[in-house]
Each structure stands twice: as C-alpha cells, then as structure tokens.
Amino acid sequence: MFESVFGVTDTATTSTVSLVPFLASVGVALALGLALALIYCFRSRHTRSFVITMVTLPAIVAVVITMINGNIGAGIAVAGSFSLVRFRSVPGQARDIAFVFLAMCVGLVCGMGYLGIAGIVTALIGGVNLLLQATGFGRAGATVDRTLRITVPEDLDHTHLFDDLFDRFTTYHELRSVKTTNMGSLYKLIYNVGLSDPDQERAFIDELRCRNGNLEIALSHQEVASDEI
C-alpha cells in the first residue's frame, strides 16, 4: 500500500520515495527553516508573513526536490517555476532576497538527502549573519535614504535654491517630481536624498525652512530604498 502511495513510475525511470527518509528530510527542513527565521529576526525589522514563509520555504523546496528524484524534465519545469518567484513578488531588501535564496538552498540540500550538510550550511552562513548583525558591520558610513518633500512659493526659483544645503547634508540628491498645489500658488518638490549624518536631520530641516519661507517640509523613509531589489 505504501509503495502505491509513495512510489512513482514512468517510462524514463523507476523510483520510489520511502516514507521515513521523506519525513526526515521534511522535518529537518522545517527545523532549519525555523533556525533561519530566528536568525533573520535578530536585531532587524520583520513582518510576520515573511518569517512564517522563511520557516516553511525549505520544507516546500525539499518536497519538490524529493518528488523530482532524478527526472530531468520535471527539474527543468521546477527551475522555471522558481524563476517566477522574483517577478511575482513585491520589491524587498537585499537581505530579504539573500535569506530567501538561503532557505531555498537549505531545502534543496535536504531534498537531496544531505541533511548533515544542510545543517552545516545553516549553522555556517547563519552564524556569520548573526556575527555581522551583532557587530553592526557596514553601519559606519552607510547612507541613510530619505524622501524629502519641500513646499515653495510659485514666485521662488527652486532650480538651484537648495544645492549648497544638499552638498553639506547629503551624499546624493535626486529631484523626483514637481507639482503645483493650492490653486497654483505653491510648488511641491519631491527629492530622493541620502543623509550623510542622521544626527544632523534637524539642522538640515531648519536650513531648508530658511530658504522656502517656512512652508511645509517633510522628511520620511524612501518608498523604494537603494538596498531594495
């Protein structure tokens, strides 16, 4: 009975999936996925849905790889399906994409039956990630990306009005859009900027207020930051 449920036969190859190894690979994949999720959550902002996905993704990949079991045609189809994951998802941070690929790698290794190697990969790469997070690696000198919204009067030439302030307080600036408001009496400018020193955010805004007649200024997180893919 178990052979009829867990065995697959075709004209190209004959293979049988044993119940105990199958459950072992899926169980180990779930455990390693949980470990990856805990590592990902360490000192970082996260969403509940992504963490749950991180736990289950290795097990899903392990099941798929186990079912392929040497079938080249099925392997090509699965590779094509995995390639759609990136294009069917919203943009995410580079670290998120790296953990997704790591989870898929761990699931792949578990599905091939190399459970010990999967554990080593999780411990090694996860341990390095924990160390980098704990030590704050790469934080020094990193650019803080912000979206800057400035309101200016219509009779004020804003073309190069803030260039010297941008040179002092930002590492880059890019004008994204200009639009009129309040029956055309005001202009709203939207910039992408990188703050060279987050502690100078208050001083930056105060300097801008002196140039735009103390009209509305907003500095917020960028909708699409530079580390997103």
Protein backbone atom coordinates (compact mmCIF):
# COMPACT_ATOMS: atom_id res chain seq x y z
CA MET A 1 0.00 0.00 0.00
CA PHE A 2 2.78 2.42 0.95
CA GLU A 3 4.57 1.64 -2.29
CA SER A 4 1.48 2.61 -4.29
CA VAL A 5 1.26 5.90 -2.41
CA PHE A 6 4.94 6.87 -2.27
CA GLY A 7 6.19 5.25 -5.46
CA VAL A 8 6.27 6.92 -8.88
CA THR A 9 6.85 5.01 -12.08
CA ASP A 10 7.27 6.33 -15.63
CA THR A 11 8.81 5.18 -18.87
CA ALA A 12 12.08 7.01 -18.31
CA THR A 13 12.94 5.94 -14.78
CA THR A 14 11.54 3.92 -11.88
CA SER A 15 11.92 5.41 -8.44
CA THR A 16 10.36 5.02 -5.03
CA VAL A 17 10.16 7.59 -2.26
CA SER A 18 10.45 5.91 1.13
CA LEU A 19 8.26 7.27 3.89
CA VAL A 20 10.83 7.54 6.70
CA PRO A 21 13.55 9.38 4.70
CA PHE A 22 10.89 11.63 3.21
CA LEU A 23 9.55 12.63 6.63
CA ALA A 24 13.10 13.04 7.93
CA SER A 25 14.09 15.43 5.14
CA VAL A 26 10.91 17.48 5.53
CA GLY A 27 11.25 17.58 9.32
CA VAL A 28 14.88 18.68 9.18
CA ALA A 29 13.99 21.28 6.55
CA LEU A 30 11.29 22.71 8.85
CA ALA A 31 13.71 22.80 11.80
CA LEU A 32 16.39 24.54 9.75
CA GLY A 33 13.80 26.95 8.37
CA LEU A 34 12.84 27.84 11.93
CA ALA A 35 16.51 28.44 12.73
CA LEU A 36 16.86 30.70 9.69
CA ALA A 37 13.74 32.65 10.72
CA LEU A 38 15.14 33.23 14.22
CA ILE A 39 18.45 34.38 12.74
CA TYR A 40 16.64 36.71 10.36
CA CYS A 41 14.65 38.28 13.22
CA PHE A 42 17.76 39.06 15.26
CA ARG A 43 18.08 42.87 15.55
CA SER A 44 16.13 43.55 12.37
CA ARG A 45 12.66 44.72 11.41
CA HIS A 46 10.50 41.96 10.02
CA THR A 47 6.95 41.04 9.12
CA ARG A 48 5.07 38.03 10.44
CA SER A 49 4.22 36.76 6.96
CA PHE A 50 7.87 36.78 5.85
CA VAL A 51 9.02 34.95 8.99
CA ILE A 52 6.37 32.24 8.50
CA THR A 53 7.41 31.93 4.86
CA MET A 54 11.04 31.55 5.96
CA VAL A 55 10.08 28.62 8.19
CA THR A 56 8.07 26.75 5.57
CA LEU A 57 10.06 27.53 2.39
CA PRO A 58 12.89 24.98 2.95
CA ALA A 59 10.33 22.21 3.56
CA ILE A 60 8.43 23.12 0.38
CA VAL A 61 11.61 23.04 -1.69
CA ALA A 62 12.65 19.75 -0.05
CA VAL A 63 9.32 18.15 -1.01
CA VAL A 64 9.65 19.35 -4.61
CA ILE A 65 13.23 18.11 -4.95
CA THR A 66 12.30 14.75 -3.41
CA MET A 67 9.45 14.33 -5.88
CA ILE A 68 11.68 15.18 -8.85
CA ASN A 69 14.06 12.39 -7.87
CA GLY A 70 16.21 12.45 -10.99
CA ASN A 71 13.51 13.37 -13.51
CA ILE A 72 15.27 15.89 -15.79
CA GLY A 73 12.07 17.17 -17.37
CA ALA A 74 10.46 17.85 -14.01
CA GLY A 75 13.65 19.52 -12.82
CA ILE A 76 13.60 21.97 -15.73
CA ALA A 77 9.93 22.77 -15.06
CA VAL A 78 10.62 23.42 -11.37
CA ALA A 79 13.60 25.64 -12.21
CA GLY A 80 11.33 27.70 -14.46
CA SER A 81 8.73 27.96 -11.69
CA PHE A 82 11.31 29.13 -9.16
CA SER A 83 12.47 31.82 -11.57
CA LEU A 84 8.96 33.32 -11.46
CA VAL A 85 9.14 33.89 -7.70
CA ARG A 86 11.23 37.03 -8.10
CA PHE A 87 8.96 38.57 -10.71
CA ARG A 88 5.71 37.76 -8.90
CA SER A 89 6.75 39.37 -5.62
CA VAL A 90 6.99 42.94 -4.40
CA PRO A 91 10.43 44.54 -4.12
CA GLY A 92 12.26 43.56 -1.00
CA GLN A 93 15.50 44.45 0.73
CA ALA A 94 18.70 42.79 -0.42
CA ARG A 95 18.92 40.93 2.91
CA ASP A 96 15.42 39.51 2.40
CA ILE A 97 16.31 38.18 -1.05
CA ALA A 98 19.53 36.64 0.33
CA PHE A 99 17.60 34.80 3.05
CA VAL A 100 15.04 33.56 0.52
CA PHE A 101 17.82 32.07 -1.59
CA LEU A 102 19.45 30.61 1.53
CA ALA A 103 16.18 28.98 2.57
CA MET A 104 15.75 27.54 -0.93
CA CYS A 105 19.34 26.25 -0.85
CA VAL A 106 18.78 24.54 2.51
CA GLY A 107 15.57 22.97 1.22
CA LEU A 108 17.36 21.80 -1.91
CA VAL A 109 20.10 20.10 0.10
CA CYS A 110 17.54 18.49 2.42
CA GLY A 111 15.53 17.22 -0.54
CA MET A 112 18.65 15.59 -1.97
CA GLY A 113 19.12 13.76 1.34
CA TYR A 114 22.23 15.55 2.62
CA LEU A 115 20.73 16.51 5.97
CA GLY A 116 24.07 16.95 7.73
CA ILE A 117 25.35 19.30 5.03
CA ALA A 118 22.11 21.29 5.25
CA GLY A 119 22.70 21.73 8.98
CA ILE A 120 26.30 22.82 8.39
CA VAL A 121 25.22 25.35 5.75
CA THR A 122 22.59 26.79 8.09
CA ALA A 123 24.99 26.99 11.03
CA LEU A 124 27.85 28.46 8.99
CA ILE A 125 26.03 31.11 6.95
CA GLY A 126 23.52 31.84 9.71
CA GLY A 127 26.31 32.19 12.24
CA VAL A 128 28.17 34.63 10.02
CA ASN A 129 24.98 36.66 9.58
CA LEU A 130 24.43 36.75 13.35
CA LEU A 131 28.01 37.93 13.86
CA LEU A 132 27.67 40.69 11.27
CA GLN A 133 24.36 41.85 12.78
CA ALA A 134 25.73 41.82 16.33
CA THR A 135 28.85 43.80 15.42
CA GLY A 136 26.99 46.33 13.26
CA PHE A 137 29.13 45.53 10.25
CA GLY A 138 28.71 48.05 7.41
CA ARG A 139 26.76 50.54 9.53
CA ALA A 140 29.58 53.09 9.73
CA GLY A 141 29.44 55.44 6.78
CA ALA A 142 26.25 53.90 5.41
CA THR A 143 23.90 56.26 3.60
CA VAL A 144 20.51 56.91 5.22
CA ASP A 145 17.98 57.13 2.38
CA ARG A 146 15.07 59.54 2.79
CA THR A 147 12.30 61.11 0.74
CA LEU A 148 12.26 64.90 1.09
CA ARG A 149 9.15 66.96 0.32
CA ILE A 150 9.53 70.74 0.15
CA THR A 151 6.79 73.30 -0.46
CA VAL A 152 7.92 76.59 -2.07
CA PRO A 153 6.07 79.71 -3.30
CA GLU A 154 5.38 79.89 -7.02
CA ASP A 155 7.50 83.02 -7.44
CA LEU A 156 10.60 81.38 -5.93
CA ASP A 157 13.11 79.91 -8.40
CA HIS A 158 13.85 76.50 -6.87
CA THR A 159 16.14 75.18 -9.61
CA HIS A 160 19.41 75.61 -7.67
CA LEU A 161 17.98 77.04 -4.47
CA PHE A 162 18.99 74.16 -2.18
CA ASP A 163 22.15 72.91 -3.93
CA ASP A 164 24.58 74.14 -1.26
CA LEU A 165 22.48 72.57 1.50
CA PHE A 166 22.37 69.28 -0.36
CA ASP A 167 26.16 69.39 -0.69
CA ARG A 168 26.53 69.92 3.06
CA PHE A 169 23.97 67.49 4.46
CA THR A 170 23.51 64.74 1.84
CA THR A 171 25.60 62.29 -0.11
CA TYR A 172 23.28 62.50 -3.11
CA HIS A 173 20.03 64.14 -4.13
CA GLU A 174 17.63 63.48 -6.99
CA LEU A 175 14.57 65.53 -7.89
CA ARG A 176 11.75 63.03 -8.46
CA SER A 177 8.78 65.26 -9.17
CA VAL A 178 7.47 68.82 -9.19
CA LYS A 179 3.77 69.65 -8.94
CA THR A 180 1.59 72.66 -8.20
CA THR A 181 -0.85 72.90 -5.31
CA ASN A 182 -3.17 75.41 -3.61
CA MET A 183 -4.58 76.68 -6.93
CA GLY A 184 -1.11 77.01 -8.42
CA SER A 185 0.23 79.35 -5.74
CA LEU A 186 2.65 76.75 -4.36
CA TYR A 187 5.04 74.14 -5.75
CA LYS A 188 5.69 70.78 -4.11
CA LEU A 189 9.16 69.32 -4.75
CA ILE A 190 9.92 65.67 -4.01
CA TYR A 191 13.55 64.55 -3.72
CA ASN A 192 15.33 61.30 -3.00
CA VAL A 193 18.26 62.14 -0.73
CA GLY A 194 20.90 60.29 1.26
CA LEU A 195 21.68 61.86 4.63
CA SER A 196 25.40 61.89 5.33
CA ASP A 197 24.76 62.25 9.09
CA PRO A 198 21.33 61.29 10.55
CA ASP A 199 22.09 63.35 13.67
CA GLN A 200 22.03 66.50 11.50
CA GLU A 201 18.46 65.90 10.32
CA ARG A 202 17.05 68.71 12.50
CA ALA A 203 19.70 71.18 11.32
CA PHE A 204 19.05 70.22 7.70
CA ILE A 205 15.32 70.91 8.03
CA ASP A 206 15.95 74.23 9.81
CA GLU A 207 18.24 75.35 6.98
CA LEU A 208 15.62 74.37 4.40
CA ARG A 209 12.93 76.35 6.26
CA CYS A 210 15.01 79.50 5.93
CA ARG A 211 15.01 79.04 2.15
CA ASN A 212 11.38 78.11 1.45
CA GLY A 213 9.70 80.79 3.57
CA ASN A 214 8.98 78.41 6.47
CA LEU A 215 6.46 76.44 4.42
CA GLU A 216 5.80 72.73 4.86
CA ILE A 217 8.78 70.35 4.77
CA ALA A 218 8.58 66.56 5.24
CA LEU A 219 11.45 64.09 5.56
CA SER A 220 10.44 60.42 5.53
CA HIS A 221 11.73 56.96 4.69
CA GLN A 222 12.13 56.35 0.99
CA GLU A 223 9.32 54.36 -0.61
CA VAL A 224 11.91 52.33 -2.55
CA ALA A 225 15.31 52.45 -0.89
CA SER A 226 18.60 51.81 -2.64
CA ASP A 227 19.14 48.43 -0.94
CA GLU A 228 15.88 47.06 -2.34
CA ILE A 229 15.89 44.75 -5.33
